[in-house]
Amino acid sequence: MVESETTSTPEPPSKEELRLAMKAFRKRLKIMRLDDESRMGYGPTSSGQQSGIVAITPPDQFSRAVWQELAAQGKLKHDGRGLYSLVGS
């Protein structure tokens, strides 16, 4: 009995998939920040503090390989424990 060695390496994410993932990441980050800023203590009559959220868990509709590729390209920064942040923010 001979075992066939078919070592298939997973395909890298397509450019379109990476673009959609970045768009989803930015949208989730924006929503998380707005949600944080909408709680009591923030607002026009308070000290005007902004959200301190800089890293989030990326949307799970994309695979881990997508987020790793975006980090490898320098578009995202992996902050550990599954958190990613935008580079330059």
C-alpha atoms as a PDB file:
ATOM      1  CA  MET A   1       0.000   0.000   0.000  1.00  0.00           C
ATOM      2  CA  VAL A   2       1.541   3.255  -1.128  1.00  0.00           C
ATOM      3  CA  GLU A   3       0.431   6.517   0.420  1.00  0.00           C
ATOM      4  CA  SER A   4       0.239   9.398  -1.975  1.00  0.00           C
ATOM      5  CA  GLU A   5       1.915  12.443  -0.620  1.00  0.00           C
ATOM      6  CA  THR A   6      -0.234  15.357  -1.552  1.00  0.00           C
ATOM      7  CA  THR A   7       1.045  18.202   0.502  1.00  0.00           C
ATOM      8  CA  SER A   8      -1.226  20.994  -0.471  1.00  0.00           C
ATOM      9  CA  THR A   9      -0.270  24.365   0.851  1.00  0.00           C
ATOM     10  CA  PRO A  10      -3.219  26.680   1.371  1.00  0.00           C
ATOM     11  CA  GLU A  11      -3.559  29.399  -1.216  1.00  0.00           C
ATOM     12  CA  PRO A  12      -2.713  32.904  -0.072  1.00  0.00           C
ATOM     13  CA  PRO A  13      -5.730  35.202   0.233  1.00  0.00           C
ATOM     14  CA  SER A  14      -6.710  37.071  -2.923  1.00  0.00           C
ATOM     15  CA  LYS A  15      -6.275  40.829  -3.229  1.00  0.00           C
ATOM     16  CA  GLU A  16     -10.047  41.244  -3.223  1.00  0.00           C
ATOM     17  CA  GLU A  17     -10.383  39.214  -0.028  1.00  0.00           C
ATOM     18  CA  LEU A  18      -7.642  41.296   1.636  1.00  0.00           C
ATOM     19  CA  ARG A  19      -9.355  44.523   0.534  1.00  0.00           C
ATOM     20  CA  LEU A  20     -12.710  43.390   1.917  1.00  0.00           C
ATOM     21  CA  ALA A  21     -11.082  42.257   5.167  1.00  0.00           C
ATOM     22  CA  MET A  22      -9.419  45.661   5.674  1.00  0.00           C
ATOM     23  CA  LYS A  23     -12.724  47.392   4.998  1.00  0.00           C
ATOM     24  CA  ALA A  24     -14.495  45.167   7.543  1.00  0.00           C
ATOM     25  CA  PHE A  25     -11.691  45.716  10.084  1.00  0.00           C
ATOM     26  CA  ARG A  26     -11.864  49.513   9.761  1.00  0.00           C
ATOM     27  CA  LYS A  27     -15.650  49.448  10.077  1.00  0.00           C
ATOM     28  CA  ARG A  28     -15.550  47.244  13.198  1.00  0.00           C
ATOM     29  CA  LEU A  29     -12.861  49.451  14.774  1.00  0.00           C
ATOM     30  CA  LYS A  30     -14.914  52.572  14.052  1.00  0.00           C
ATOM     31  CA  ILE A  31     -18.054  51.026  15.551  1.00  0.00           C
ATOM     32  CA  MET A  32     -16.185  49.856  18.649  1.00  0.00           C
ATOM     33  CA  ARG A  33     -14.743  53.354  19.173  1.00  0.00           C
ATOM     34  CA  LEU A  34     -18.116  55.053  18.662  1.00  0.00           C
ATOM     35  CA  ASP A  35     -19.743  52.626  21.078  1.00  0.00           C
ATOM     36  CA  ASP A  36     -17.056  53.352  23.672  1.00  0.00           C
ATOM     37  CA  GLU A  37     -17.405  57.119  23.216  1.00  0.00           C
ATOM     38  CA  SER A  38     -21.214  57.015  23.508  1.00  0.00           C
ATOM     39  CA  ARG A  39     -21.175  55.937  27.146  1.00  0.00           C
ATOM     40  CA  MET A  40     -21.593  58.398  29.981  1.00  0.00           C
ATOM     41  CA  GLY A  41     -18.630  60.642  30.624  1.00  0.00           C
ATOM     42  CA  TYR A  42     -17.956  61.435  26.991  1.00  0.00           C
ATOM     43  CA  GLY A  43     -19.631  64.049  24.906  1.00  0.00           C
ATOM     44  CA  PRO A  44     -19.847  67.769  24.224  1.00  0.00           C
ATOM     45  CA  THR A  45     -20.578  68.708  27.840  1.00  0.00           C
ATOM     46  CA  SER A  46     -17.861  66.543  29.342  1.00  0.00           C
ATOM     47  CA  SER A  47     -14.099  66.690  29.090  1.00  0.00           C
ATOM     48  CA  GLY A  48     -14.344  65.470  25.488  1.00  0.00           C
ATOM     49  CA  GLN A  49     -12.211  62.391  25.873  1.00  0.00           C
ATOM     50  CA  GLN A  50     -11.857  60.100  22.906  1.00  0.00           C
ATOM     51  CA  SER A  51     -12.011  56.340  22.976  1.00  0.00           C
ATOM     52  CA  GLY A  52      -8.885  54.536  24.084  1.00  0.00           C
ATOM     53  CA  ILE A  53      -9.586  51.506  21.886  1.00  0.00           C
ATOM     54  CA  VAL A  54      -6.649  50.902  19.556  1.00  0.00           C
ATOM     55  CA  ALA A  55      -6.719  47.119  19.008  1.00  0.00           C
ATOM     56  CA  ILE A  56      -9.630  44.776  18.381  1.00  0.00           C
ATOM     57  CA  THR A  57     -10.345  41.164  17.569  1.00  0.00           C
ATOM     58  CA  PRO A  58     -10.785  41.121  13.786  1.00  0.00           C
ATOM     59  CA  PRO A  59     -14.100  40.097  12.227  1.00  0.00           C
ATOM     60  CA  ASP A  60     -14.420  36.309  12.186  1.00  0.00           C
ATOM     61  CA  GLN A  61     -15.929  36.089   8.706  1.00  0.00           C
ATOM     62  CA  PHE A  62     -12.349  36.055   7.386  1.00  0.00           C
ATOM     63  CA  SER A  63      -9.798  33.363   8.138  1.00  0.00           C
ATOM     64  CA  ARG A  64      -6.780  33.776  10.379  1.00  0.00           C
ATOM     65  CA  ALA A  65      -4.568  33.542   7.271  1.00  0.00           C
ATOM     66  CA  VAL A  66      -6.098  36.788   5.962  1.00  0.00           C
ATOM     67  CA  TRP A  67      -5.214  38.699   9.134  1.00  0.00           C
ATOM     68  CA  GLN A  68      -1.721  37.205   9.225  1.00  0.00           C
ATOM     69  CA  GLU A  69      -1.169  38.232   5.606  1.00  0.00           C
ATOM     70  CA  LEU A  70      -2.337  41.797   6.293  1.00  0.00           C
ATOM     71  CA  ALA A  71       0.049  41.940   9.260  1.00  0.00           C
ATOM     72  CA  ALA A  72       2.873  40.582   7.087  1.00  0.00           C
ATOM     73  CA  GLN A  73       2.147  43.309   4.513  1.00  0.00           C
ATOM     74  CA  GLY A  74       2.402  45.938   7.235  1.00  0.00           C
ATOM     75  CA  LYS A  75      -1.219  47.091   7.027  1.00  0.00           C
ATOM     76  CA  LEU A  76      -2.122  45.734  10.461  1.00  0.00           C
ATOM     77  CA  LYS A  77      -0.100  45.151  13.594  1.00  0.00           C
ATOM     78  CA  HIS A  78      -0.577  41.943  15.588  1.00  0.00           C
ATOM     79  CA  ASP A  79      -0.762  42.975  19.243  1.00  0.00           C
ATOM     80  CA  GLY A  80      -0.968  39.465  20.673  1.00  0.00           C
ATOM     81  CA  ARG A  81      -3.839  37.365  22.004  1.00  0.00           C
ATOM     82  CA  GLY A  82      -5.739  37.668  18.734  1.00  0.00           C
ATOM     83  CA  LEU A  83      -5.824  41.480  18.739  1.00  0.00           C
ATOM     84  CA  TYR A  84      -4.859  43.592  15.755  1.00  0.00           C
ATOM     85  CA  SER A  85      -4.503  47.354  15.322  1.00  0.00           C
ATOM     86  CA  LEU A  86      -4.118  49.676  12.370  1.00  0.00           C
ATOM     87  CA  VAL A  87      -0.565  50.666  11.601  1.00  0.00           C
ATOM     88  CA  GLY A  88      -0.028  54.356  12.241  1.00  0.00           C
ATOM     89  CA  SER A  89      -2.961  54.846  14.607  1.00  0.00           C
END
